[in-house]
Structure formats: structure tokens, C-alpha cells
Amino acid sequence: MTMQDKYDLINNDILKETSTDPIEIITHIMKKNYISMHGPEHHYLNGAALLVACYNADHSIDIHRCLEQLAIRSLQMPGAMCGHWGVCGSSASIGAALSVLHHTGPLSDDQFYRDHMTLTSMIIAREGEIGGPRCCKRNAFIALSTATTFISQNYHIPIHSTAVTCIFSQNNNQCLKTKCPFHKTKEQS
């Protein structure tokens, strides 16, 4: 299956979501059999979950244009960015989603340009505090929970995120277990 095939499947399923909680949205999609435990499809999925949550909260967003543009940008992000480039695709996906939403580009000189840089640096800082090895699920949860707070406070789009308990750790051979803030501990069982 090509990455474009995965993006098409994500698009088909994510547009059926009605929640304003991007964590809920992404968790539903990450359960699909076409989503790998780790992989560059998350570079599209993270931003798409955020955009759909924003759209569900504020229908003035042109969701089809936003998802199309996000897909174009996400396909340019290689896998293993976190280890090879020092920037996780989850933060890049959130930055790309917001730049599409706000029509910003490399020549923009507005608050959105500054906001996007601030938010993505906040996401990377939180991911860096935990360290590796990589986990696309953990980093998606970090990126989306950070973005949700930032967006609801700064743009007054009524999105929210629920507390996360990871249901994917048993499929991750490199899971950090109790070092991960989302790991289900024995006490939670």
C-alpha cells in the first residue's frame, strides 16, 4: 500500500468523525488496520485530526481544501524525521495544518507565523523531555494535547482533548512503559 493509498483511507474515515476532540478522532483512526504502529502516515493523520476537530467546532473552515493541502505538504515529510532530523513529524504535521488553516507561508509576517513556530517548538520541547526511542502514538498524543490547549486559548475555537491512556503499547516493542505519560499502569488495570 502506498502512502497516498493510506492518505485516501485516512481521508475517507476521518471525514466521518464528528468529535471536537482530536485525541478521540486520532485514536479511532489509529485503530484501523491500514495504520502502522510507526510510520509517516502519522505525519498526515496528526494534522488531519486537528483540522477535523476544528472543522467540527467551527464549520466555516474549508475542510476539503485544508486536508488536500495538508496531504501535499505531508507527503514531503520522510519517515524517521525524529531520529534523522531532530524534529518529529507530529509537530511538523501540526505546524503544516495550522499554516494551511491560516494561509501562512514562508513570507508571512503576521501573528499566525509566530504562533505556529511557538506551538511547534512547545510540542518538540515536550517530546524531547521524554526522549526516545520514537513512538508515533505517544508523539501524536503530545502534539494534539498541546495544540488543543493552544488553539482553544489563542483562537477561541472550541476544541478540547480528553485524558489519554494509550491502548497501543502492547504493539510497540520499544514502548517506554512507565516512562511514557500515557502508558496504562497496573494500577489503572
N, C-alpha and C. Protein backbone atom coordinates (compact mmCIF):
# COMPACT_ATOMS: atom_id res chain seq x y z
N MET A 1 0.85 -1.18 0.00
CA MET A 1 0.00 0.00 0.00
C MET A 1 0.90 1.24 0.00
N THR A 2 0.63 2.16 -0.90
CA THR A 2 1.42 3.39 -0.97
C THR A 2 0.96 4.36 0.12
N MET A 3 1.77 5.37 0.35
CA MET A 3 1.40 6.39 1.32
C MET A 3 0.15 7.14 0.84
N GLN A 4 0.05 7.38 -0.47
CA GLN A 4 -1.15 8.04 -1.00
C GLN A 4 -2.39 7.18 -0.73
N ASP A 5 -2.27 5.87 -0.86
CA ASP A 5 -3.40 4.97 -0.56
C ASP A 5 -3.81 5.13 0.91
N LYS A 6 -2.83 5.19 1.79
CA LYS A 6 -3.13 5.36 3.22
C LYS A 6 -3.80 6.72 3.46
N TYR A 7 -3.30 7.76 2.82
CA TYR A 7 -3.90 9.09 2.98
C TYR A 7 -5.36 9.08 2.51
N ASP A 8 -5.63 8.40 1.40
CA ASP A 8 -7.00 8.31 0.90
C ASP A 8 -7.91 7.60 1.90
N LEU A 9 -7.41 6.52 2.49
CA LEU A 9 -8.20 5.81 3.51
C LEU A 9 -8.41 6.68 4.75
N ILE A 10 -7.36 7.36 5.18
CA ILE A 10 -7.49 8.28 6.32
C ILE A 10 -8.54 9.32 6.01
N ASN A 11 -8.44 9.93 4.84
CA ASN A 11 -9.40 10.97 4.45
C ASN A 11 -10.84 10.45 4.48
N ASN A 12 -11.04 9.30 3.92
CA ASN A 12 -12.38 8.71 3.88
C ASN A 12 -12.93 8.52 5.30
N ASP A 13 -12.11 8.00 6.20
CA ASP A 13 -12.57 7.71 7.55
C ASP A 13 -12.64 8.95 8.44
N ILE A 14 -11.69 9.85 8.29
CA ILE A 14 -11.62 10.98 9.20
C ILE A 14 -12.76 11.98 8.95
N LEU A 15 -13.21 12.05 7.70
CA LEU A 15 -14.32 12.97 7.40
C LEU A 15 -15.65 12.48 7.97
N LYS A 16 -15.70 11.26 8.47
CA LYS A 16 -16.90 10.73 9.13
C LYS A 16 -16.93 11.07 10.61
N GLU A 17 -15.81 11.53 11.14
CA GLU A 17 -15.71 11.85 12.57
C GLU A 17 -16.49 13.13 12.87
N THR A 18 -17.15 13.14 14.02
CA THR A 18 -17.97 14.30 14.41
C THR A 18 -17.49 14.98 15.69
N SER A 19 -16.46 14.46 16.31
CA SER A 19 -15.96 14.98 17.58
C SER A 19 -15.19 16.28 17.40
N THR A 20 -15.14 17.06 18.46
CA THR A 20 -14.27 18.25 18.52
C THR A 20 -13.04 17.95 19.37
N ASP A 21 -12.78 16.68 19.61
CA ASP A 21 -11.63 16.22 20.38
C ASP A 21 -10.67 15.50 19.43
N PRO A 22 -9.53 16.13 19.07
CA PRO A 22 -8.62 15.49 18.11
C PRO A 22 -7.99 14.20 18.64
N ILE A 23 -7.88 14.06 19.97
CA ILE A 23 -7.36 12.82 20.55
C ILE A 23 -8.34 11.68 20.29
N GLU A 24 -9.61 11.95 20.48
CA GLU A 24 -10.64 10.94 20.20
C GLU A 24 -10.63 10.56 18.72
N ILE A 25 -10.54 11.57 17.87
CA ILE A 25 -10.54 11.34 16.43
C ILE A 25 -9.34 10.50 16.02
N ILE A 26 -8.16 10.89 16.46
CA ILE A 26 -6.96 10.17 16.01
C ILE A 26 -6.93 8.75 16.57
N THR A 27 -7.44 8.56 17.78
CA THR A 27 -7.47 7.22 18.36
C THR A 27 -8.36 6.30 17.54
N HIS A 28 -9.51 6.81 17.10
CA HIS A 28 -10.39 5.99 16.24
C HIS A 28 -9.66 5.57 14.97
N ILE A 29 -8.96 6.50 14.35
CA ILE A 29 -8.30 6.21 13.08
C ILE A 29 -7.07 5.33 13.29
N MET A 30 -6.33 5.54 14.37
CA MET A 30 -5.13 4.74 14.61
C MET A 30 -5.47 3.26 14.86
N LYS A 31 -6.70 2.96 15.18
CA LYS A 31 -7.12 1.56 15.37
C LYS A 31 -7.31 0.84 14.04
N LYS A 32 -7.38 1.57 12.94
CA LYS A 32 -7.62 0.96 11.63
C LYS A 32 -6.43 0.11 11.21
N ASN A 33 -6.70 -0.95 10.49
CA ASN A 33 -5.63 -1.89 10.11
C ASN A 33 -4.64 -1.32 9.11
N TYR A 34 -4.95 -0.22 8.46
CA TYR A 34 -4.03 0.38 7.50
C TYR A 34 -3.07 1.38 8.14
N ILE A 35 -3.19 1.59 9.45
CA ILE A 35 -2.28 2.50 10.17
C ILE A 35 -1.23 1.65 10.88
N SER A 36 0.03 1.87 10.56
CA SER A 36 1.13 1.16 11.21
C SER A 36 1.34 1.69 12.62
N MET A 37 2.02 0.89 13.43
CA MET A 37 2.37 1.36 14.77
C MET A 37 3.20 2.64 14.67
N HIS A 38 4.16 2.63 13.77
CA HIS A 38 5.00 3.79 13.50
C HIS A 38 5.04 3.96 11.99
N GLY A 39 5.08 5.18 11.54
CA GLY A 39 5.19 5.38 10.11
C GLY A 39 4.78 6.77 9.69
N PRO A 40 5.19 7.17 8.49
CA PRO A 40 4.95 8.52 8.02
C PRO A 40 3.48 8.86 7.75
N GLU A 41 2.59 7.85 7.78
CA GLU A 41 1.16 8.20 7.65
C GLU A 41 0.70 9.08 8.81
N HIS A 42 1.41 8.99 9.95
CA HIS A 42 1.09 9.84 11.09
C HIS A 42 1.36 11.31 10.80
N HIS A 43 2.26 11.59 9.86
CA HIS A 43 2.58 12.97 9.51
C HIS A 43 1.37 13.67 8.89
N TYR A 44 0.53 12.91 8.27
CA TYR A 44 -0.75 13.45 7.75
C TYR A 44 -1.84 13.33 8.81
N LEU A 45 -1.91 12.19 9.45
CA LEU A 45 -3.00 11.89 10.38
C LEU A 45 -3.09 12.88 11.53
N ASN A 46 -1.95 13.28 12.11
CA ASN A 46 -1.98 14.21 13.25
C ASN A 46 -2.64 15.53 12.88
N GLY A 47 -2.16 16.13 11.80
CA GLY A 47 -2.73 17.41 11.38
C GLY A 47 -4.17 17.28 10.92
N ALA A 48 -4.48 16.15 10.27
CA ALA A 48 -5.85 15.93 9.79
C ALA A 48 -6.82 15.81 10.96
N ALA A 49 -6.42 15.13 12.03
CA ALA A 49 -7.28 15.01 13.21
C ALA A 49 -7.54 16.37 13.82
N LEU A 50 -6.50 17.20 13.86
CA LEU A 50 -6.66 18.56 14.39
C LEU A 50 -7.59 19.39 13.52
N LEU A 51 -7.39 19.34 12.21
CA LEU A 51 -8.24 20.12 11.30
C LEU A 51 -9.69 19.68 11.37
N VAL A 52 -9.94 18.38 11.44
CA VAL A 52 -11.32 17.89 11.50
C VAL A 52 -11.98 18.31 12.83
N ALA A 53 -11.24 18.26 13.92
CA ALA A 53 -11.79 18.73 15.20
C ALA A 53 -12.15 20.21 15.11
N CYS A 54 -11.26 21.00 14.51
CA CYS A 54 -11.55 22.44 14.33
C CYS A 54 -12.76 22.65 13.43
N TYR A 55 -12.83 21.88 12.36
CA TYR A 55 -13.98 21.97 11.46
C TYR A 55 -15.27 21.61 12.18
N ASN A 56 -15.25 20.57 12.97
CA ASN A 56 -16.46 20.15 13.69
C ASN A 56 -16.88 21.20 14.72
N ALA A 57 -15.93 21.98 15.21
CA ALA A 57 -16.25 23.05 16.16
C ALA A 57 -16.65 24.34 15.46
N ASP A 58 -16.18 24.54 14.23
CA ASP A 58 -16.41 25.79 13.50
C ASP A 58 -16.51 25.47 12.02
N HIS A 59 -17.72 25.29 11.54
CA HIS A 59 -17.93 24.83 10.16
C HIS A 59 -17.57 25.85 9.09
N SER A 60 -16.98 26.98 9.47
CA SER A 60 -16.56 27.95 8.46
C SER A 60 -15.25 27.54 7.78
N ILE A 61 -14.60 26.53 8.31
CA ILE A 61 -13.34 26.03 7.75
C ILE A 61 -13.62 25.23 6.48
N ASP A 62 -12.84 25.48 5.43
CA ASP A 62 -12.96 24.70 4.20
C ASP A 62 -12.13 23.42 4.39
N ILE A 63 -12.76 22.41 4.97
CA ILE A 63 -12.04 21.20 5.38
C ILE A 63 -11.46 20.45 4.19
N HIS A 64 -12.13 20.41 3.09
CA HIS A 64 -11.60 19.68 1.93
C HIS A 64 -10.33 20.34 1.38
N ARG A 65 -10.33 21.65 1.28
CA ARG A 65 -9.13 22.38 0.84
C ARG A 65 -7.99 22.16 1.84
N CYS A 66 -8.32 22.27 3.13
CA CYS A 66 -7.29 22.12 4.16
C CYS A 66 -6.66 20.73 4.12
N LEU A 67 -7.48 19.69 4.03
CA LEU A 67 -6.95 18.33 4.01
C LEU A 67 -6.14 18.07 2.74
N GLU A 68 -6.59 18.61 1.63
CA GLU A 68 -5.86 18.44 0.37
C GLU A 68 -4.48 19.08 0.47
N GLN A 69 -4.42 20.29 0.98
CA GLN A 69 -3.14 20.99 1.12
C GLN A 69 -2.24 20.31 2.16
N LEU A 70 -2.83 19.84 3.25
CA LEU A 70 -2.07 19.13 4.26
C LEU A 70 -1.45 17.86 3.68
N ALA A 71 -2.20 17.15 2.86
CA ALA A 71 -1.68 15.92 2.24
C ALA A 71 -0.49 16.23 1.35
N ILE A 72 -0.57 17.28 0.58
CA ILE A 72 0.54 17.67 -0.30
C ILE A 72 1.80 17.94 0.52
N ARG A 73 1.63 18.66 1.61
CA ARG A 73 2.78 19.00 2.46
C ARG A 73 3.30 17.78 3.21
N SER A 74 2.40 16.97 3.70
CA SER A 74 2.79 15.80 4.50
C SER A 74 3.55 14.77 3.68
N LEU A 75 3.18 14.62 2.43
CA LEU A 75 3.89 13.67 1.58
C LEU A 75 5.35 14.03 1.38
N GLN A 76 5.71 15.27 1.66
CA GLN A 76 7.10 15.71 1.55
C GLN A 76 7.92 15.36 2.79
N MET A 77 7.27 14.94 3.87
CA MET A 77 7.97 14.62 5.11
C MET A 77 8.39 13.15 5.10
N PRO A 78 9.68 12.89 5.21
CA PRO A 78 10.12 11.49 5.22
C PRO A 78 9.85 10.81 6.56
N GLY A 79 9.84 9.50 6.53
CA GLY A 79 9.76 8.76 7.77
C GLY A 79 11.03 8.94 8.58
N ALA A 80 10.95 8.66 9.86
CA ALA A 80 12.09 8.73 10.79
C ALA A 80 12.67 10.12 10.94
N MET A 81 11.85 11.15 10.73
CA MET A 81 12.32 12.52 10.90
C MET A 81 12.85 12.75 12.31
N CYS A 82 12.20 12.15 13.29
CA CYS A 82 12.59 12.38 14.68
C CYS A 82 14.04 12.00 14.92
N GLY A 83 14.44 10.85 14.45
CA GLY A 83 15.79 10.38 14.67
C GLY A 83 16.82 10.94 13.72
N HIS A 84 16.40 11.21 12.49
CA HIS A 84 17.34 11.67 11.47
C HIS A 84 17.45 13.19 11.38
N TRP A 85 16.39 13.90 11.72
CA TRP A 85 16.38 15.36 11.57
C TRP A 85 16.26 16.11 12.89
N GLY A 86 15.89 15.40 13.96
CA GLY A 86 15.74 16.08 15.25
C GLY A 86 14.44 16.86 15.38
N VAL A 87 13.49 16.57 14.52
CA VAL A 87 12.16 17.18 14.61
C VAL A 87 11.14 16.10 14.29
N CYS A 88 10.19 15.91 15.16
CA CYS A 88 9.20 14.86 14.96
C CYS A 88 8.16 15.30 13.93
N GLY A 89 7.74 14.35 13.11
CA GLY A 89 6.71 14.64 12.12
C GLY A 89 5.39 15.05 12.75
N SER A 90 5.17 14.72 14.02
CA SER A 90 3.92 15.13 14.68
C SER A 90 3.87 16.65 14.83
N SER A 91 4.96 17.26 15.23
CA SER A 91 4.98 18.72 15.36
C SER A 91 4.93 19.38 13.99
N ALA A 92 5.64 18.81 13.02
CA ALA A 92 5.60 19.35 11.66
C ALA A 92 4.20 19.26 11.08
N SER A 93 3.49 18.18 11.38
CA SER A 93 2.12 18.00 10.90
C SER A 93 1.19 19.06 11.48
N ILE A 94 1.34 19.33 12.77
CA ILE A 94 0.51 20.36 13.41
C ILE A 94 0.84 21.73 12.81
N GLY A 95 2.13 22.01 12.63
CA GLY A 95 2.51 23.27 12.01
C GLY A 95 1.98 23.41 10.60
N ALA A 96 2.04 22.32 9.83
CA ALA A 96 1.51 22.35 8.46
C ALA A 96 0.00 22.55 8.47
N ALA A 97 -0.70 21.88 9.37
CA ALA A 97 -2.16 22.01 9.44
C ALA A 97 -2.55 23.46 9.74
N LEU A 98 -1.87 24.07 10.69
CA LEU A 98 -2.20 25.46 11.04
C LEU A 98 -1.81 26.42 9.93
N SER A 99 -0.70 26.16 9.24
CA SER A 99 -0.32 27.05 8.15
C SER A 99 -1.33 26.97 7.00
N VAL A 100 -1.87 25.77 6.77
CA VAL A 100 -2.93 25.62 5.76
C VAL A 100 -4.19 26.35 6.22
N LEU A 101 -4.55 26.14 7.47
CA LEU A 101 -5.76 26.77 8.02
C LEU A 101 -5.68 28.30 7.96
N HIS A 102 -4.51 28.84 8.28
CA HIS A 102 -4.34 30.30 8.37
C HIS A 102 -3.73 30.92 7.12
N HIS A 103 -3.51 30.11 6.08
CA HIS A 103 -2.96 30.62 4.81
C HIS A 103 -1.60 31.28 5.00
N THR A 104 -0.76 30.72 5.86
CA THR A 104 0.56 31.30 6.05
C THR A 104 1.58 30.58 5.17
N GLY A 105 2.65 31.27 4.89
CA GLY A 105 3.73 30.72 4.09
C GLY A 105 5.05 31.30 4.55
N PRO A 106 6.12 31.01 3.83
CA PRO A 106 7.44 31.46 4.26
C PRO A 106 7.61 32.97 4.26
N LEU A 107 6.77 33.70 3.53
CA LEU A 107 6.88 35.16 3.50
C LEU A 107 5.86 35.85 4.40
N SER A 108 5.08 35.09 5.13
CA SER A 108 4.08 35.68 6.02
C SER A 108 4.76 36.46 7.13
N ASP A 109 4.16 37.58 7.47
CA ASP A 109 4.67 38.42 8.55
C ASP A 109 3.49 38.80 9.43
N ASP A 110 2.97 37.80 10.14
CA ASP A 110 1.79 38.04 10.96
C ASP A 110 1.87 37.21 12.23
N GLN A 111 0.88 37.36 13.06
CA GLN A 111 0.86 36.65 14.33
C GLN A 111 0.77 35.14 14.12
N PHE A 112 0.08 34.69 13.08
CA PHE A 112 -0.04 33.26 12.84
C PHE A 112 1.34 32.61 12.60
N TYR A 113 2.19 33.29 11.83
CA TYR A 113 3.53 32.77 11.58
C TYR A 113 4.25 32.56 12.91
N ARG A 114 4.21 33.55 13.77
CA ARG A 114 4.86 33.45 15.09
C ARG A 114 4.20 32.37 15.94
N ASP A 115 2.87 32.34 15.93
CA ASP A 115 2.14 31.35 16.72
C ASP A 115 2.50 29.92 16.33
N HIS A 116 2.58 29.66 15.04
CA HIS A 116 2.87 28.31 14.57
C HIS A 116 4.26 27.87 15.02
N MET A 117 5.23 28.78 14.94
CA MET A 117 6.58 28.47 15.40
C MET A 117 6.59 28.22 16.91
N THR A 118 5.86 29.04 17.64
CA THR A 118 5.78 28.87 19.09
C THR A 118 5.17 27.53 19.45
N LEU A 119 4.05 27.20 18.83
CA LEU A 119 3.37 25.94 19.14
C LEU A 119 4.23 24.74 18.79
N THR A 120 4.81 24.71 17.60
CA THR A 120 5.61 23.54 17.22
C THR A 120 6.83 23.40 18.13
N SER A 121 7.40 24.51 18.57
CA SER A 121 8.55 24.41 19.48
C SER A 121 8.10 23.89 20.85
N MET A 122 6.90 24.24 21.28
CA MET A 122 6.37 23.70 22.53
C MET A 122 6.19 22.18 22.44
N ILE A 123 5.68 21.73 21.30
CA ILE A 123 5.48 20.29 21.09
C ILE A 123 6.82 19.56 21.11
N ILE A 124 7.78 20.06 20.37
CA ILE A 124 9.10 19.41 20.31
C ILE A 124 9.74 19.40 21.70
N ALA A 125 9.60 20.47 22.46
CA ALA A 125 10.17 20.52 23.80
C ALA A 125 9.56 19.43 24.69
N ARG A 126 8.25 19.26 24.63
CA ARG A 126 7.60 18.21 25.44
C ARG A 126 8.06 16.82 25.01
N GLU A 127 8.18 16.60 23.70
CA GLU A 127 8.65 15.31 23.21
C GLU A 127 10.09 15.06 23.63
N GLY A 128 10.92 16.11 23.58
CA GLY A 128 12.32 16.00 23.95
C GLY A 128 12.51 15.67 25.42
N GLU A 129 11.63 16.16 26.27
CA GLU A 129 11.72 15.87 27.71
C GLU A 129 11.58 14.37 27.96
N ILE A 130 10.77 13.69 27.17
CA ILE A 130 10.54 12.26 27.34
C ILE A 130 11.66 11.47 26.70
N GLY A 131 12.11 11.87 25.54
CA GLY A 131 13.18 11.17 24.84
C GLY A 131 12.69 10.03 23.99
N GLY A 132 13.63 9.21 23.55
CA GLY A 132 13.32 8.12 22.63
C GLY A 132 13.38 6.79 23.31
N PRO A 133 13.17 5.75 22.56
CA PRO A 133 13.02 5.73 21.12
C PRO A 133 11.67 6.29 20.68
N ARG A 134 11.55 6.47 19.39
CA ARG A 134 10.36 7.07 18.80
C ARG A 134 9.11 6.27 19.12
N CYS A 135 8.01 7.00 19.18
CA CYS A 135 6.69 6.38 19.27
C CYS A 135 5.71 7.33 18.61
N CYS A 136 5.19 6.96 17.47
CA CYS A 136 4.27 7.82 16.74
C CYS A 136 2.97 8.05 17.50
N LYS A 137 2.55 7.10 18.31
CA LYS A 137 1.32 7.27 19.08
C LYS A 137 1.55 8.28 20.20
N ARG A 138 2.61 8.08 20.99
CA ARG A 138 2.92 8.99 22.10
C ARG A 138 3.09 10.42 21.58
N ASN A 139 3.85 10.58 20.51
CA ASN A 139 4.10 11.92 20.00
C ASN A 139 2.85 12.55 19.40
N ALA A 140 1.96 11.74 18.85
CA ALA A 140 0.67 12.27 18.37
C ALA A 140 -0.14 12.81 19.55
N PHE A 141 -0.17 12.05 20.64
CA PHE A 141 -0.93 12.49 21.82
C PHE A 141 -0.34 13.77 22.40
N ILE A 142 0.99 13.86 22.45
CA ILE A 142 1.64 15.08 22.94
C ILE A 142 1.31 16.26 22.03
N ALA A 143 1.48 16.05 20.73
CA ALA A 143 1.25 17.13 19.76
C ALA A 143 -0.19 17.63 19.82
N LEU A 144 -1.13 16.70 19.84
CA LEU A 144 -2.54 17.11 19.80
C LEU A 144 -3.02 17.70 21.12
N SER A 145 -2.56 17.18 22.24
CA SER A 145 -3.00 17.78 23.51
C SER A 145 -2.40 19.18 23.68
N THR A 146 -1.17 19.36 23.26
CA THR A 146 -0.54 20.69 23.32
C THR A 146 -1.24 21.65 22.36
N ALA A 147 -1.50 21.19 21.16
CA ALA A 147 -2.16 22.04 20.15
C ALA A 147 -3.58 22.41 20.56
N THR A 148 -4.30 21.47 21.15
CA THR A 148 -5.67 21.74 21.56
C THR A 148 -5.74 22.88 22.57
N THR A 149 -4.88 22.82 23.56
CA THR A 149 -4.85 23.89 24.57
C THR A 149 -4.49 25.22 23.91
N PHE A 150 -3.47 25.21 23.08
CA PHE A 150 -3.01 26.43 22.42
C PHE A 150 -4.10 27.04 21.53
N ILE A 151 -4.74 26.21 20.73
CA ILE A 151 -5.76 26.69 19.79
C ILE A 151 -7.00 27.20 20.52
N SER A 152 -7.45 26.48 21.50
CA SER A 152 -8.65 26.92 22.22
C SER A 152 -8.39 28.23 22.96
N GLN A 153 -7.18 28.42 23.48
CA GLN A 153 -6.85 29.66 24.20
C GLN A 153 -6.58 30.83 23.27
N ASN A 154 -5.88 30.57 22.16
CA ASN A 154 -5.45 31.67 21.30
C ASN A 154 -6.40 32.00 20.16
N TYR A 155 -7.13 31.01 19.68
CA TYR A 155 -8.01 31.24 18.52
C TYR A 155 -9.48 31.07 18.87
N HIS A 156 -9.76 30.71 20.09
CA HIS A 156 -11.13 30.57 20.59
C HIS A 156 -11.98 29.63 19.73
N ILE A 157 -11.34 28.61 19.21
CA ILE A 157 -12.07 27.53 18.52
C ILE A 157 -12.36 26.50 19.60
N PRO A 158 -13.61 26.18 19.84
CA PRO A 158 -13.97 25.33 20.98
C PRO A 158 -13.68 23.84 20.77
N ILE A 159 -12.38 23.53 20.73
CA ILE A 159 -11.97 22.13 20.69
C ILE A 159 -11.45 21.75 22.07
N HIS A 160 -11.38 20.49 22.34
CA HIS A 160 -10.91 20.01 23.64
C HIS A 160 -10.23 18.66 23.44
N SER A 161 -9.49 18.22 24.45
CA SER A 161 -8.92 16.88 24.38
C SER A 161 -9.11 16.20 25.73
N THR A 162 -9.38 14.93 25.66
CA THR A 162 -9.59 14.13 26.85
C THR A 162 -8.24 13.60 27.35
N ALA A 163 -8.24 13.15 28.57
CA ALA A 163 -7.03 12.50 29.10
C ALA A 163 -6.76 11.24 28.29
N VAL A 164 -5.50 10.94 28.11
CA VAL A 164 -5.11 9.83 27.25
C VAL A 164 -4.54 8.69 28.08
N THR A 165 -5.03 7.51 27.82
CA THR A 165 -4.38 6.27 28.25
C THR A 165 -4.15 5.46 26.99
N CYS A 166 -2.88 5.20 26.70
CA CYS A 166 -2.53 4.54 25.45
C CYS A 166 -3.04 3.10 25.42
N ILE A 167 -3.67 2.77 24.30
CA ILE A 167 -4.14 1.39 24.09
C ILE A 167 -3.27 0.66 23.08
N PHE A 168 -2.16 1.29 22.67
CA PHE A 168 -1.32 0.73 21.61
C PHE A 168 0.00 0.17 22.13
N SER A 169 0.32 0.34 23.40
CA SER A 169 1.65 -0.02 23.90
C SER A 169 1.99 -1.49 23.72
N GLN A 170 1.00 -2.36 23.79
CA GLN A 170 1.29 -3.80 23.63
C GLN A 170 1.77 -4.12 22.21
N ASN A 171 1.55 -3.22 21.26
CA ASN A 171 2.00 -3.43 19.88
C ASN A 171 3.33 -2.73 19.58
N ASN A 172 3.89 -2.07 20.59
CA ASN A 172 5.11 -1.30 20.40
C ASN A 172 6.26 -1.98 21.15
N ASN A 173 7.15 -2.62 20.42
CA ASN A 173 8.28 -3.33 21.04
C ASN A 173 9.24 -2.39 21.75
N GLN A 174 9.21 -1.11 21.41
CA GLN A 174 10.10 -0.14 22.04
C GLN A 174 9.37 0.76 23.04
N CYS A 175 8.20 0.36 23.48
CA CYS A 175 7.42 1.20 24.40
C CYS A 175 8.24 1.54 25.64
N LEU A 176 8.14 2.78 26.05
CA LEU A 176 8.85 3.24 27.24
C LEU A 176 8.18 2.81 28.54
N LYS A 177 7.02 2.19 28.40
CA LYS A 177 6.24 1.72 29.57
C LYS A 177 5.98 2.87 30.53
N THR A 178 6.37 2.74 31.78
CA THR A 178 6.01 3.74 32.80
C THR A 178 6.71 5.08 32.60
N LYS A 179 7.71 5.16 31.71
CA LYS A 179 8.34 6.44 31.40
C LYS A 179 7.46 7.27 30.46
N CYS A 180 6.49 6.63 29.84
CA CYS A 180 5.57 7.33 28.93
C CYS A 180 4.41 7.88 29.74
N PRO A 181 4.06 9.14 29.55
CA PRO A 181 2.95 9.72 30.31
C PRO A 181 1.58 9.12 29.98
N PHE A 182 1.50 8.33 28.93
CA PHE A 182 0.21 7.78 28.50
C PHE A 182 0.10 6.28 28.72
N HIS A 183 1.14 5.67 29.28
CA HIS A 183 1.15 4.22 29.47
C HIS A 183 0.14 3.81 30.53
N LYS A 184 -0.54 2.73 30.26
CA LYS A 184 -1.52 2.20 31.21
C LYS A 184 -0.76 1.40 32.26
N THR A 185 -0.75 1.90 33.49
CA THR A 185 -0.03 1.23 34.57
C THR A 185 -0.88 0.13 35.18
N LYS A 186 -0.28 -0.69 35.99
CA LYS A 186 -1.01 -1.78 36.65
C LYS A 186 -2.14 -1.24 37.52
N GLU A 187 -1.94 -0.09 38.14
CA GLU A 187 -2.97 0.49 38.99
C GLU A 187 -4.22 0.87 38.19
N GLN A 188 -4.05 1.17 36.90
CA GLN A 188 -5.18 1.56 36.07
C GLN A 188 -5.91 0.36 35.51
N SER A 189 -5.33 -0.83 35.62
CA SER A 189 -5.95 -2.03 35.05
C SER A 189 -7.22 -2.40 35.76
